[in-house]
C-alpha atoms as a PDB file:
ATOM      1  CA  MET A   1     -36.235 -30.954 -30.591  1.00  0.00           C
ATOM      2  CA  SER A   2     -34.805 -28.782 -27.594  1.00  0.00           C
ATOM      3  CA  ALA A   3     -36.669 -26.160 -25.943  1.00  0.00           C
ATOM      4  CA  LEU A   4     -34.270 -23.760 -26.779  1.00  0.00           C
ATOM      5  CA  THR A   5     -34.425 -24.158 -30.494  1.00  0.00           C
ATOM      6  CA  GLY A   6     -34.680 -20.444 -32.348  1.00  0.00           C
ATOM      7  CA  LYS A   7     -34.364 -18.788 -29.052  1.00  0.00           C
ATOM      8  CA  ARG A   8     -32.202 -15.627 -29.588  1.00  0.00           C
ATOM      9  CA  ILE A   9     -29.967 -15.942 -26.131  1.00  0.00           C
ATOM     10  CA  VAL A  10     -27.466 -12.989 -25.344  1.00  0.00           C
ATOM     11  CA  VAL A  11     -23.934 -14.273 -23.990  1.00  0.00           C
ATOM     12  CA  THR A  12     -22.490 -11.618 -21.853  1.00  0.00           C
ATOM     13  CA  ARG A  13     -19.049 -13.256 -20.986  1.00  0.00           C
ATOM     14  CA  PRO A  14     -15.790 -11.887 -21.926  1.00  0.00           C
ATOM     15  CA  GLN A  15     -15.002 -12.655 -25.527  1.00  0.00           C
ATOM     16  CA  LYS A  16     -12.157 -15.110 -24.941  1.00  0.00           C
ATOM     17  CA  GLN A  17     -14.296 -17.190 -22.416  1.00  0.00           C
ATOM     18  CA  ALA A  18     -17.533 -17.310 -24.227  1.00  0.00           C
ATOM     19  CA  GLY A  19     -16.661 -20.189 -26.579  1.00  0.00           C
ATOM     20  CA  GLU A  20     -18.104 -22.912 -24.413  1.00  0.00           C
ATOM     21  CA  LEU A  21     -21.297 -21.197 -23.577  1.00  0.00           C
ATOM     22  CA  ILE A  22     -21.902 -20.192 -27.117  1.00  0.00           C
ATOM     23  CA  ASP A  23     -21.546 -24.013 -28.302  1.00  0.00           C
ATOM     24  CA  LEU A  24     -23.652 -25.318 -25.689  1.00  0.00           C
ATOM     25  CA  LEU A  25     -26.353 -23.152 -26.576  1.00  0.00           C
ATOM     26  CA  ALA A  26     -25.799 -23.818 -30.238  1.00  0.00           C
ATOM     27  CA  GLN A  27     -26.105 -27.446 -29.624  1.00  0.00           C
ATOM     28  CA  HIS A  28     -29.450 -26.948 -28.088  1.00  0.00           C
ATOM     29  CA  GLY A  29     -30.484 -25.072 -31.423  1.00  0.00           C
ATOM     30  CA  ALA A  30     -30.362 -21.609 -29.907  1.00  0.00           C
ATOM     31  CA  LEU A  31     -29.135 -18.666 -31.658  1.00  0.00           C
ATOM     32  CA  PRO A  32     -26.460 -17.014 -29.542  1.00  0.00           C
ATOM     33  CA  VAL A  33     -26.021 -13.391 -29.672  1.00  0.00           C
ATOM     34  CA  VAL A  34     -22.457 -12.257 -28.365  1.00  0.00           C
ATOM     35  CA  PHE A  35     -22.356  -9.150 -26.560  1.00  0.00           C
ATOM     36  CA  PRO A  36     -19.067  -9.130 -23.991  1.00  0.00           C
ATOM     37  CA  THR A  37     -19.837  -6.927 -21.202  1.00  0.00           C
ATOM     38  CA  ILE A  38     -16.465  -6.993 -19.422  1.00  0.00           C
ATOM     39  CA  GLU A  39     -12.590  -7.514 -20.263  1.00  0.00           C
ATOM     40  CA  ILE A  40     -10.157  -8.857 -18.322  1.00  0.00           C
ATOM     41  CA  HIS A  41      -6.781  -6.751 -17.651  1.00  0.00           C
ATOM     42  CA  PRO A  42      -3.904  -7.079 -15.388  1.00  0.00           C
ATOM     43  CA  PRO A  43      -4.025  -5.043 -12.005  1.00  0.00           C
ATOM     44  CA  SER A  44      -2.615  -1.634 -12.015  1.00  0.00           C
ATOM     45  CA  ASN A  45       0.410  -2.904  -9.801  1.00  0.00           C
ATOM     46  CA  LEU A  46       1.990  -6.301 -10.047  1.00  0.00           C
ATOM     47  CA  SER A  47       4.396  -5.837  -7.346  1.00  0.00           C
ATOM     48  CA  PRO A  48       2.347  -7.458  -4.380  1.00  0.00           C
ATOM     49  CA  LEU A  49       1.882 -10.557  -6.491  1.00  0.00           C
ATOM     50  CA  ASP A  50       5.370 -10.903  -7.384  1.00  0.00           C
ATOM     51  CA  ALA A  51       6.433 -10.473  -3.918  1.00  0.00           C
ATOM     52  CA  ALA A  52       4.002 -13.042  -2.755  1.00  0.00           C
ATOM     53  CA  ILE A  53       5.141 -15.526  -5.357  1.00  0.00           C
ATOM     54  CA  GLN A  54       8.658 -14.999  -3.818  1.00  0.00           C
ATOM     55  CA  GLN A  55       7.500 -16.176  -0.290  1.00  0.00           C
ATOM     56  CA  LEU A  56       5.399 -18.865  -1.216  1.00  0.00           C
ATOM     57  CA  ASP A  57       6.980 -20.944   1.210  1.00  0.00           C
ATOM     58  CA  GLY A  58       5.432 -18.902   4.058  1.00  0.00           C
ATOM     59  CA  TYR A  59       2.122 -19.902   3.121  1.00  0.00           C
ATOM     60  CA  ASP A  60       0.017 -22.880   4.134  1.00  0.00           C
ATOM     61  CA  TRP A  61      -2.788 -22.494   1.706  1.00  0.00           C
ATOM     62  CA  LEU A  62      -3.395 -21.161  -1.730  1.00  0.00           C
ATOM     63  CA  VAL A  63      -7.194 -20.524  -2.887  1.00  0.00           C
ATOM     64  CA  PHE A  64      -8.189 -19.806  -6.211  1.00  0.00           C
ATOM     65  CA  THR A  65     -11.760 -18.487  -6.886  1.00  0.00           C
ATOM     66  CA  SER A  66     -11.888 -18.301 -10.703  1.00  0.00           C
ATOM     67  CA  ILE A  67      -9.958 -19.538 -13.698  1.00  0.00           C
ATOM     68  CA  ASN A  68      -8.886 -15.988 -14.433  1.00  0.00           C
ATOM     69  CA  GLY A  69      -7.315 -16.226 -11.062  1.00  0.00           C
ATOM     70  CA  VAL A  70      -5.194 -19.418 -11.923  1.00  0.00           C
ATOM     71  CA  ALA A  71      -4.165 -17.949 -15.474  1.00  0.00           C
ATOM     72  CA  CYS A  72      -3.088 -14.654 -14.416  1.00  0.00           C
ATOM     73  CA  PHE A  73      -1.025 -16.046 -11.087  1.00  0.00           C
ATOM     74  CA  TRP A  74       0.470 -18.434 -13.357  1.00  0.00           C
ATOM     75  CA  ASP A  75       1.703 -16.061 -15.864  1.00  0.00           C
ATOM     76  CA  ARG A  76       3.608 -14.407 -12.856  1.00  0.00           C
ATOM     77  CA  LEU A  77       4.860 -17.568 -11.522  1.00  0.00           C
ATOM     78  CA  GLN A  78       6.472 -18.489 -14.781  1.00  0.00           C
ATOM     79  CA  ALA A  79       8.013 -15.223 -15.234  1.00  0.00           C
ATOM     80  CA  ALA A  80       9.622 -15.759 -11.689  1.00  0.00           C
ATOM     81  CA  GLY A  81      11.243 -18.784 -13.067  1.00  0.00           C
ATOM     82  CA  LYS A  82       8.953 -21.074 -11.165  1.00  0.00           C
ATOM     83  CA  ASN A  83       6.622 -23.757 -12.045  1.00  0.00           C
ATOM     84  CA  ALA A  84       3.982 -26.215 -10.392  1.00  0.00           C
ATOM     85  CA  GLN A  85       6.633 -27.711  -7.926  1.00  0.00           C
ATOM     86  CA  ALA A  86       6.900 -24.289  -6.109  1.00  0.00           C
ATOM     87  CA  LEU A  87       3.369 -25.177  -4.946  1.00  0.00           C
ATOM     88  CA  ALA A  88       4.055 -28.623  -3.917  1.00  0.00           C
ATOM     89  CA  HIS A  89       4.265 -27.839  -0.226  1.00  0.00           C
ATOM     90  CA  LEU A  90       0.680 -25.810  -0.224  1.00  0.00           C
ATOM     91  CA  SER A  91      -2.610 -26.999   0.418  1.00  0.00           C
ATOM     92  CA  VAL A  92      -4.718 -25.733  -2.827  1.00  0.00           C
ATOM     93  CA  ALA A  93      -8.328 -24.922  -2.818  1.00  0.00           C
ATOM     94  CA  ALA A  94     -10.342 -24.200  -6.112  1.00  0.00           C
ATOM     95  CA  ILE A  95     -13.973 -23.012  -6.488  1.00  0.00           C
ATOM     96  CA  GLY A  96     -15.824 -24.452  -9.201  1.00  0.00           C
ATOM     97  CA  PRO A  97     -14.817 -26.737 -12.097  1.00  0.00           C
ATOM     98  CA  ALA A  98     -13.232 -24.377 -14.580  1.00  0.00           C
ATOM     99  CA  THR A  99     -10.950 -23.230 -11.767  1.00  0.00           C
ATOM    100  CA  THR A 100     -10.049 -26.838 -10.925  1.00  0.00           C
ATOM    101  CA  PHE A 101      -9.504 -27.680 -14.543  1.00  0.00           C
ATOM    102  CA  GLY A 102      -7.094 -24.425 -14.963  1.00  0.00           C
ATOM    103  CA  LEU A 103      -5.105 -26.109 -12.130  1.00  0.00           C
ATOM    104  CA  THR A 104      -5.158 -29.590 -13.180  1.00  0.00           C
ATOM    105  CA  SER A 105      -4.059 -28.615 -16.553  1.00  0.00           C
ATOM    106  CA  ARG A 106      -1.119 -27.218 -15.038  1.00  0.00           C
ATOM    107  CA  GLY A 107      -0.007 -30.363 -13.063  1.00  0.00           C
ATOM    108  CA  ILE A 108      -1.857 -29.200  -9.647  1.00  0.00           C
ATOM    109  CA  THR A 109      -4.436 -31.351  -7.981  1.00  0.00           C
ATOM    110  CA  PRO A 110      -6.648 -29.207  -5.467  1.00  0.00           C
ATOM    111  CA  ARG A 111      -6.771 -30.497  -1.887  1.00  0.00           C
ATOM    112  CA  LEU A 112     -10.166 -29.129  -1.554  1.00  0.00           C
ATOM    113  CA  ILE A 113     -13.259 -28.232  -3.984  1.00  0.00           C
ATOM    114  CA  PRO A 114     -16.250 -27.221  -2.224  1.00  0.00           C
ATOM    115  CA  GLY A 115     -19.720 -29.076  -3.184  1.00  0.00           C
ATOM    116  CA  GLU A 116     -21.322 -25.723  -4.091  1.00  0.00           C
ATOM    117  CA  PHE A 117     -19.283 -23.411  -6.234  1.00  0.00           C
ATOM    118  CA  VAL A 118     -19.210 -20.117  -3.753  1.00  0.00           C
ATOM    119  CA  ALA A 119     -17.045 -18.729  -1.085  1.00  0.00           C
ATOM    120  CA  GLU A 120     -19.551 -19.529   1.655  1.00  0.00           C
ATOM    121  CA  ALA A 121     -19.121 -23.211   0.783  1.00  0.00           C
ATOM    122  CA  LEU A 122     -15.715 -23.096   1.010  1.00  0.00           C
ATOM    123  CA  LEU A 123     -15.659 -21.468   4.274  1.00  0.00           C
ATOM    124  CA  GLU A 124     -18.109 -24.277   5.528  1.00  0.00           C
ATOM    125  CA  GLU A 125     -15.761 -27.164   4.209  1.00  0.00           C
ATOM    126  CA  ILE A 126     -12.315 -25.975   4.752  1.00  0.00           C
ATOM    127  CA  PRO A 127     -10.660 -27.505   8.019  1.00  0.00           C
ATOM    128  CA  ASP A 128      -9.302 -25.604  10.813  1.00  0.00           C
ATOM    129  CA  VAL A 129      -7.824 -22.573   9.719  1.00  0.00           C
ATOM    130  CA  ARG A 130      -6.467 -20.751  13.179  1.00  0.00           C
ATOM    131  CA  GLY A 131      -3.016 -19.590  12.681  1.00  0.00           C
ATOM    132  CA  LYS A 132      -2.626 -20.637   8.999  1.00  0.00           C
ATOM    133  CA  ARG A 133      -1.527 -18.548   6.264  1.00  0.00           C
ATOM    134  CA  PHE A 134      -3.440 -18.005   2.994  1.00  0.00           C
ATOM    135  CA  LEU A 135      -2.674 -16.589  -0.219  1.00  0.00           C
ATOM    136  CA  ILE A 136      -5.666 -15.735  -2.376  1.00  0.00           C
ATOM    137  CA  PRO A 137      -5.137 -14.292  -5.774  1.00  0.00           C
ATOM    138  CA  ARG A 138      -8.227 -12.968  -7.313  1.00  0.00           C
ATOM    139  CA  ALA A 139     -10.183 -10.332  -8.874  1.00  0.00           C
ATOM    140  CA  GLN A 140      -9.416  -6.785  -7.650  1.00  0.00           C
ATOM    141  CA  GLU A 141     -13.244  -6.314  -7.291  1.00  0.00           C
ATOM    142  CA  ALA A 142     -13.931  -9.632  -5.441  1.00  0.00           C
ATOM    143  CA  ARG A 143     -16.579  -9.918  -2.765  1.00  0.00           C
ATOM    144  CA  PRO A 144     -14.938  -9.762   0.904  1.00  0.00           C
ATOM    145  CA  VAL A 145     -17.058 -12.636   2.101  1.00  0.00           C
ATOM    146  CA  LEU A 146     -13.986 -15.157   1.892  1.00  0.00           C
ATOM    147  CA  VAL A 147     -11.413 -13.203   3.436  1.00  0.00           C
ATOM    148  CA  GLU A 148     -13.541 -11.694   6.312  1.00  0.00           C
ATOM    149  CA  GLY A 149     -14.690 -15.382   6.748  1.00  0.00           C
ATOM    150  CA  LEU A 150     -11.121 -16.839   7.109  1.00  0.00           C
ATOM    151  CA  GLN A 151     -10.036 -13.943   9.335  1.00  0.00           C
ATOM    152  CA  ALA A 152     -12.947 -14.440  11.889  1.00  0.00           C
ATOM    153  CA  ARG A 153     -11.565 -17.832  12.092  1.00  0.00           C
ATOM    154  CA  GLY A 154      -8.246 -16.731  13.011  1.00  0.00           C
ATOM    155  CA  ALA A 155      -6.575 -17.176   9.532  1.00  0.00           C
ATOM    156  CA  VAL A 156      -3.894 -14.827   8.491  1.00  0.00           C
ATOM    157  CA  VAL A 157      -4.826 -13.680   4.929  1.00  0.00           C
ATOM    158  CA  ASP A 158      -2.942 -12.191   2.048  1.00  0.00           C
ATOM    159  CA  GLU A 159      -5.640 -11.063  -0.496  1.00  0.00           C
ATOM    160  CA  ILE A 160      -4.024  -9.952  -3.751  1.00  0.00           C
ATOM    161  CA  ALA A 161      -5.590  -8.637  -6.808  1.00  0.00           C
ATOM    162  CA  VAL A 162      -4.363 -10.571  -9.916  1.00  0.00           C
ATOM    163  CA  TYR A 163      -6.523  -9.109 -12.309  1.00  0.00           C
ATOM    164  CA  ARG A 164      -9.284  -6.546 -12.567  1.00  0.00           C
ATOM    165  CA  THR A 165     -12.518  -6.404 -14.790  1.00  0.00           C
ATOM    166  CA  LEU A 166     -13.190  -3.492 -16.852  1.00  0.00           C
ATOM    167  CA  THR A 167     -16.414  -2.799 -18.636  1.00  0.00           C
ATOM    168  CA  ALA A 168     -15.930  -3.598 -22.519  1.00  0.00           C
ATOM    169  CA  ARG A 169     -16.123  -1.638 -25.611  1.00  0.00           C
ATOM    170  CA  LEU A 170     -19.357  -1.611 -26.801  1.00  0.00           C
ATOM    171  CA  ASP A 171     -20.327  -3.638 -29.742  1.00  0.00           C
ATOM    172  CA  PRO A 172     -22.815  -1.622 -31.863  1.00  0.00           C
ATOM    173  CA  GLN A 173     -24.094  -4.451 -34.102  1.00  0.00           C
ATOM    174  CA  ALA A 174     -24.838  -6.623 -30.932  1.00  0.00           C
ATOM    175  CA  LEU A 175     -26.464  -3.859 -29.335  1.00  0.00           C
ATOM    176  CA  ALA A 176     -28.795  -3.486 -32.314  1.00  0.00           C
ATOM    177  CA  GLU A 177     -29.583  -7.215 -32.246  1.00  0.00           C
ATOM    178  CA  ILE A 178     -30.394  -6.710 -28.325  1.00  0.00           C
ATOM    179  CA  GLN A 179     -32.680  -3.583 -29.243  1.00  0.00           C
ATOM    180  CA  ALA A 180     -34.366  -5.512 -31.901  1.00  0.00           C
ATOM    181  CA  GLY A 181     -35.473  -8.102 -29.314  1.00  0.00           C
ATOM    182  CA  VAL A 182     -34.049 -11.163 -27.822  1.00  0.00           C
ATOM    183  CA  ASP A 183     -35.469 -13.920 -25.816  1.00  0.00           C
ATOM    184  CA  ALA A 184     -32.991 -14.503 -23.135  1.00  0.00           C
ATOM    185  CA  ILE A 185     -30.010 -12.744 -21.517  1.00  0.00           C
ATOM    186  CA  THR A 186     -27.419 -14.745 -19.686  1.00  0.00           C
ATOM    187  CA  PHE A 187     -25.247 -13.377 -16.993  1.00  0.00           C
ATOM    188  CA  THR A 188     -22.196 -15.609 -15.332  1.00  0.00           C
ATOM    189  CA  SER A 189     -20.848 -13.271 -12.876  1.00  0.00           C
ATOM    190  CA  SER A 190     -21.808 -10.054 -10.959  1.00  0.00           C
ATOM    191  CA  SER A 191     -19.254  -8.175 -13.233  1.00  0.00           C
ATOM    192  CA  THR A 192     -21.085  -9.246 -16.227  1.00  0.00           C
ATOM    193  CA  VAL A 193     -24.180  -7.595 -14.959  1.00  0.00           C
ATOM    194  CA  ARG A 194     -22.452  -4.316 -13.803  1.00  0.00           C
ATOM    195  CA  GLY A 195     -20.856  -4.298 -17.551  1.00  0.00           C
ATOM    196  CA  PHE A 196     -24.174  -4.979 -19.115  1.00  0.00           C
ATOM    197  CA  VAL A 197     -26.078  -2.142 -17.577  1.00  0.00           C
ATOM    198  CA  GLU A 198     -23.433   0.207 -17.804  1.00  0.00           C
ATOM    199  CA  LEU A 199     -23.189  -0.455 -21.700  1.00  0.00           C
ATOM    200  CA  VAL A 200     -26.903  -0.507 -22.413  1.00  0.00           C
ATOM    201  CA  GLY A 201     -28.251   1.985 -20.008  1.00  0.00           C
ATOM    202  CA  PRO A 202     -31.448   2.505 -17.884  1.00  0.00           C
ATOM    203  CA  GLU A 203     -33.649   2.856 -20.764  1.00  0.00           C
ATOM    204  CA  LEU A 204     -32.760  -0.582 -22.422  1.00  0.00           C
ATOM    205  CA  VAL A 205     -33.040  -2.235 -19.262  1.00  0.00           C
ATOM    206  CA  GLU A 206     -36.365  -1.122 -18.560  1.00  0.00           C
ATOM    207  CA  LYS A 207     -37.519  -2.029 -22.174  1.00  0.00           C
ATOM    208  CA  ILE A 208     -35.836  -5.726 -21.448  1.00  0.00           C
ATOM    209  CA  LYS A 209     -38.248  -5.806 -18.490  1.00  0.00           C
ATOM    210  CA  MET A 210     -41.327  -4.492 -20.500  1.00  0.00           C
ATOM    211  CA  ASP A 211     -40.523  -7.135 -23.123  1.00  0.00           C
ATOM    212  CA  GLY A 212     -40.466  -9.989 -20.845  1.00  0.00           C
ATOM    213  CA  CYS A 213     -36.942 -10.910 -21.970  1.00  0.00           C
ATOM    214  CA  LEU A 214     -35.848 -13.766 -19.654  1.00  0.00           C
ATOM    215  CA  VAL A 215     -32.896 -12.899 -17.665  1.00  0.00           C
ATOM    216  CA  ALA A 216     -30.718 -15.957 -16.594  1.00  0.00           C
ATOM    217  CA  CYS A 217     -27.955 -16.192 -13.799  1.00  0.00           C
ATOM    218  CA  ILE A 218     -25.523 -18.681 -13.473  1.00  0.00           C
ATOM    219  CA  GLY A 219     -25.885 -18.621  -9.621  1.00  0.00           C
ATOM    220  CA  PRO A 220     -27.457 -16.645  -6.504  1.00  0.00           C
ATOM    221  CA  VAL A 221     -24.757 -14.254  -6.387  1.00  0.00           C
ATOM    222  CA  THR A 222     -25.027 -13.165  -9.872  1.00  0.00           C
ATOM    223  CA  ALA A 223     -28.788 -13.306  -9.620  1.00  0.00           C
ATOM    224  CA  GLN A 224     -28.563 -10.611  -6.556  1.00  0.00           C
ATOM    225  CA  THR A 225     -26.783  -8.353  -8.301  1.00  0.00           C
ATOM    226  CA  ALA A 226     -28.951  -8.444 -11.284  1.00  0.00           C
ATOM    227  CA  LEU A 227     -31.889  -7.679  -9.058  1.00  0.00           C
ATOM    228  CA  GLU A 228     -30.081  -4.812  -7.280  1.00  0.00           C
ATOM    229  CA  LYS A 229     -29.454  -3.268 -10.954  1.00  0.00           C
ATOM    230  CA  GLY A 230     -33.333  -3.519 -11.646  1.00  0.00           C
ATOM    231  CA  LEU A 231     -33.382  -6.870 -13.836  1.00  0.00           C
ATOM    232  CA  GLU A 232     -36.002  -9.364 -13.044  1.00  0.00           C
ATOM    233  CA  VAL A 233     -34.412 -12.760 -12.670  1.00  0.00           C
ATOM    234  CA  ARG A 234     -36.556 -15.868 -13.757  1.00  0.00           C
ATOM    235  CA  VAL A 235     -33.809 -18.470 -14.064  1.00  0.00           C
ATOM    236  CA  VAL A 236     -31.086 -19.397 -11.727  1.00  0.00           C
ATOM    237  CA  ALA A 237     -29.002 -22.494 -12.125  1.00  0.00           C
ATOM    238  CA  THR A 238     -28.495 -24.954  -9.539  1.00  0.00           C
ATOM    239  CA  GLU A 239     -25.086 -26.097 -10.991  1.00  0.00           C
ATOM    240  CA  TYR A 240     -23.010 -22.810 -11.158  1.00  0.00           C
ATOM    241  CA  THR A 241     -21.582 -23.647 -14.490  1.00  0.00           C
ATOM    242  CA  GLY A 242     -22.206 -22.803 -18.182  1.00  0.00           C
ATOM    243  CA  ARG A 243     -23.687 -26.273 -18.447  1.00  0.00           C
ATOM    244  CA  GLY A 244     -25.794 -26.071 -15.554  1.00  0.00           C
ATOM    245  CA  LEU A 245     -27.072 -22.475 -16.888  1.00  0.00           C
ATOM    246  CA  VAL A 246     -27.975 -23.783 -20.301  1.00  0.00           C
ATOM    247  CA  GLN A 247     -29.843 -26.690 -18.676  1.00  0.00           C
ATOM    248  CA  ALA A 248     -31.890 -24.561 -16.644  1.00  0.00           C
ATOM    249  CA  LEU A 249     -32.835 -22.449 -19.349  1.00  0.00           C
ATOM    250  CA  ASN A 250     -33.820 -25.462 -21.213  1.00  0.00           C
ATOM    251  CA  GLN A 251     -35.839 -26.799 -18.507  1.00  0.00           C
ATOM    252  CA  TYR A 252     -37.446 -23.386 -17.942  1.00  0.00           C
ATOM    253  CA  TYR A 253     -38.633 -23.378 -21.629  1.00  0.00           C
ATOM    254  CA  GLN A 254     -40.033 -26.843 -21.342  1.00  0.00           C
ATOM    255  CA  SER A 255     -42.036 -25.747 -18.366  1.00  0.00           C
ATOM    256  CA  ASN A 256     -43.313 -22.342 -19.818  1.00  0.00           C
ATOM    257  CA  GLY A 257     -43.209 -22.576 -23.501  1.00  0.00           C
END
């Protein structure tokens, strides 16, 4: 029997992306509580992205940091009448397995996938970038570390918002389940943390701490955001994927009951 059997575990991912994590938890006997805290929306202005797509020949590297970035970029690429062939001359980098799958399923094989699924690792592993032009389609709220790191090494970087994350609409039934008591809450990005805190408010955040509810994060960046928002993080996955998060939860309960 899995150590997760019977555990009520909150999934805060956007509704359309929560399926894999929900399935993995259910396979381990957990009882997922679906509580989306963010929604993915197009940027307020698509013109910069459309202009960049018309000028792809001027870039050397194309860097994707999330599967959302891939999907949103691809929508506009197709709207411009282009396909994977338009990227054939580019060196493509992808952070994380989901992002990589989003590319390979569209006929693009990334040249670089860093061993650790964070921007810092990409900066360490990418070859000489001085004078190279980078296009980075990413979230409007993305961390600046990747852009600043590349620019510090002499790269020319165009960072373009291809989507934005907004706080989801509150699901009263799911909120009531959390208020009644859950065993763990999972966070898969800093945005899910911020959305959760905004939706539930400071009183419920404090109750979660007092009740000893386990907070589990997909990686150190997400964990740092959770700490900054007043949550006590006890589980951080070492493999920054949904599967790695479930494994970390399982290992925690095996060791701590």
